[in-house]
C-alpha cells in the first residue's frame, strides 16, 4: 500500500492509497485513489512560544476523516493528474489512523474499509498527542445527531 496525502486544486487534502497509471513513455495519464478520505485539521494552528521549563508539554491535535465523495459507493476513483497540486507523505500518526480505519472496526461501523450503511456513517475524528499516540476516536452518525 502506498498511503499518500494529495492536495487538490480545490484545496482538499485527500488521503488514499494512490497509484499512478503511466503510458508507454512513462507519462502519468491518471491517478487512482483507493479508499479516499478528506482529512481536515481541527486543532487551531497557533504559533506558541514555549516558556522555559514547558518544552515537554504534550500538545493534542485533532483531525477528521470523511469520505471524499460521500454520495458514491465507489471505493476506487480516478483523478486527472492536472487536478493534483502535490502528493506528499502524511505525518505518521495521521497515516496510522487512516490505516487502522481501513483495516479494523471502529465502534462496529467500519470493517475492512467498507462502510456499514445501516449505521449512516459519515466521518470520524482522531485525537492525538505530539508523540503520535492515538488517544480518542469519535464517530459521527445521524443517530447521535452530530454529537461527538
Protein backbone atom coordinates (compact mmCIF):
# COMPACT_ATOMS: atom_id res chain seq x y z
CA UNK A 1 0.00 0.00 0.00
CA UNK A 2 1.20 3.48 -0.82
CA UNK A 3 -0.72 5.76 1.52
CA UNK A 4 -0.21 9.36 0.46
CA UNK A 5 -1.79 12.75 1.07
CA UNK A 6 -2.82 14.57 -2.11
CA UNK A 7 -3.52 18.29 -2.20
CA UNK A 8 -6.01 19.03 -4.96
CA UNK A 9 -6.60 22.25 -6.90
CA UNK A 10 -9.83 22.60 -4.93
CA UNK A 11 -7.77 22.83 -1.73
CA UNK A 12 -9.00 19.47 -0.44
CA UNK A 13 -6.49 17.27 1.35
CA UNK A 14 -7.24 13.67 0.38
CA UNK A 15 -5.58 10.65 1.97
CA UNK A 16 -5.71 7.42 -0.02
CA UNK A 17 -3.77 4.51 -1.39
CA UNK A 18 -2.62 6.33 -4.52
CA UNK A 19 -1.46 4.55 -7.65
CA UNK A 20 -0.14 6.11 -10.83
CA UNK A 21 -1.04 4.96 -14.33
CA UNK A 22 1.56 5.78 -16.97
CA UNK A 23 1.69 5.38 -20.74
CA UNK A 24 4.49 3.69 -22.71
CA UNK A 25 6.56 6.91 -22.43
CA UNK A 26 6.24 6.86 -18.60
CA UNK A 27 3.99 9.95 -18.69
CA UNK A 28 1.33 9.95 -15.97
CA UNK A 29 -2.09 9.62 -17.58
CA UNK A 30 -4.21 9.07 -14.47
CA UNK A 31 -4.07 8.60 -10.72
CA UNK A 32 -6.13 6.01 -8.88
CA UNK A 33 -7.27 6.90 -5.37
CA UNK A 34 -8.31 3.80 -3.41
CA UNK A 35 -10.49 4.45 -0.34
CA UNK A 36 -10.05 8.24 -0.49
CA UNK A 37 -10.92 10.32 2.57
CA UNK A 38 -10.76 14.06 3.15
CA UNK A 39 -8.52 14.97 6.06
CA UNK A 40 -9.23 18.16 8.00
CA UNK A 41 -7.04 19.55 10.75
CA UNK A 42 -9.35 20.59 13.61
CA UNK A 43 -6.82 21.87 16.11
CA UNK A 44 -6.26 25.62 15.71
CA UNK A 45 -2.92 26.33 14.10
CA UNK A 46 -1.14 28.58 16.57
CA UNK A 47 2.45 29.65 16.89
CA UNK A 48 3.22 29.47 20.59
CA UNK A 49 6.49 30.46 22.18
CA UNK A 50 7.46 27.92 24.76
CA UNK A 51 8.35 29.27 28.17
CA UNK A 52 11.41 27.87 29.88
CA UNK A 53 10.58 24.56 31.53
CA UNK A 54 7.46 23.90 29.39
CA UNK A 55 9.23 22.36 26.40
CA UNK A 56 7.96 18.86 27.17
CA UNK A 57 4.34 19.99 27.27
CA UNK A 58 2.11 17.47 25.48
CA UNK A 59 0.08 19.21 22.75
CA UNK A 60 -3.05 17.50 21.46
CA UNK A 61 -4.05 17.53 17.79
CA UNK A 62 -7.34 16.55 16.19
CA UNK A 63 -8.14 15.63 12.60
CA UNK A 64 -11.32 14.43 10.94
CA UNK A 65 -11.62 11.89 8.16
CA UNK A 66 -14.69 11.87 5.93
CA UNK A 67 -15.40 10.10 2.64
CA UNK A 68 -14.14 12.15 -0.30
CA UNK A 69 -17.25 11.70 -2.44
CA UNK A 70 -19.97 10.94 0.07
CA UNK A 71 -22.73 10.08 -2.41
CA UNK A 72 -20.68 7.43 -4.23
CA UNK A 73 -20.38 3.76 -3.37
CA UNK A 74 -17.16 3.55 -5.40
CA UNK A 75 -14.04 2.80 -3.40
CA UNK A 76 -11.65 3.48 -6.32
CA UNK A 77 -11.67 6.82 -8.11
CA UNK A 78 -9.56 8.06 -10.98
CA UNK A 79 -8.22 11.59 -10.85
CA UNK A 80 -6.63 13.53 -13.74
CA UNK A 81 -3.03 14.36 -12.83
CA UNK A 82 -3.54 18.04 -13.67
CA UNK A 83 -6.03 18.28 -10.77
CA UNK A 84 -3.38 17.37 -8.21
CA UNK A 85 -1.16 20.14 -6.87
CA UNK A 86 1.16 17.80 -4.96
CA UNK A 87 1.36 14.38 -3.32
CA UNK A 88 3.18 14.07 0.00
CA UNK A 89 3.85 11.60 2.77
CA UNK A 90 1.32 12.14 5.61
CA UNK A 91 2.64 12.54 9.15
CA UNK A 92 2.95 9.20 10.92
CA UNK A 93 0.00 9.38 13.32
CA UNK A 94 -2.39 10.52 10.57
CA UNK A 95 -1.22 7.71 8.30
CA UNK A 96 -1.53 5.21 11.16
CA UNK A 97 -5.05 6.41 11.96
CA UNK A 98 -6.10 6.05 8.33
CA UNK A 99 -4.58 2.56 8.06
CA UNK A 100 -6.30 1.45 11.26
CA UNK A 101 -9.59 2.73 9.90
CA UNK A 102 -9.14 0.76 6.71
CA UNK A 103 -8.08 -2.45 8.47
CA UNK A 104 -10.20 -2.81 11.56
CA UNK A 105 -13.52 -1.99 13.12
CA UNK A 106 -14.07 1.33 14.88
CA UNK A 107 -17.13 1.08 17.12
CA UNK A 108 -18.54 -1.55 14.75
CA UNK A 109 -19.12 1.00 11.99
CA UNK A 110 -16.26 0.27 9.61
CA UNK A 111 -14.94 -3.13 8.58
CA UNK A 112 -12.06 -3.67 6.15
CA UNK A 113 -12.54 -0.21 4.65
CA UNK A 114 -16.22 -0.81 3.93
CA UNK A 115 -18.92 1.43 5.35
CA UNK A 116 -21.77 -0.23 7.21
CA UNK A 117 -24.55 1.78 5.54
CA UNK A 118 -27.09 0.76 8.19
CA UNK A 119 -25.18 2.96 10.64
CA UNK A 120 -25.27 6.12 8.45
CA UNK A 121 -21.55 6.56 9.00
CA UNK A 122 -20.16 9.81 7.65
CA UNK A 123 -16.95 10.73 9.45
CA UNK A 124 -14.73 10.08 12.41
CA UNK A 125 -12.28 12.14 14.41
CA UNK A 126 -8.91 11.22 15.81
CA UNK A 127 -7.33 12.94 18.78
CA UNK A 128 -3.58 12.52 19.04
CA UNK A 129 -0.73 13.83 21.11
CA UNK A 130 2.55 15.10 19.66
CA UNK A 131 4.05 11.70 20.40
CA UNK A 132 1.71 10.16 17.84
CA UNK A 133 -0.27 8.18 20.39
CA UNK A 134 -3.92 7.98 19.39
CA UNK A 135 -5.93 8.96 22.45
CA UNK A 136 -9.50 9.07 21.27
CA UNK A 137 -11.66 8.21 18.27
CA UNK A 138 -15.09 9.77 17.96
CA UNK A 139 -17.58 8.67 15.31
CA UNK A 140 -20.33 10.83 13.87
CA UNK A 141 -23.59 9.17 12.87
CA UNK A 142 -27.03 10.50 12.12
CA UNK A 143 -28.28 8.65 15.21
CA UNK A 144 -26.25 10.79 17.58
CA UNK A 145 -27.28 13.97 15.71
CA UNK A 146 -23.72 15.08 15.25
CA UNK A 147 -22.90 14.93 18.96
CA UNK A 148 -19.33 13.82 19.50
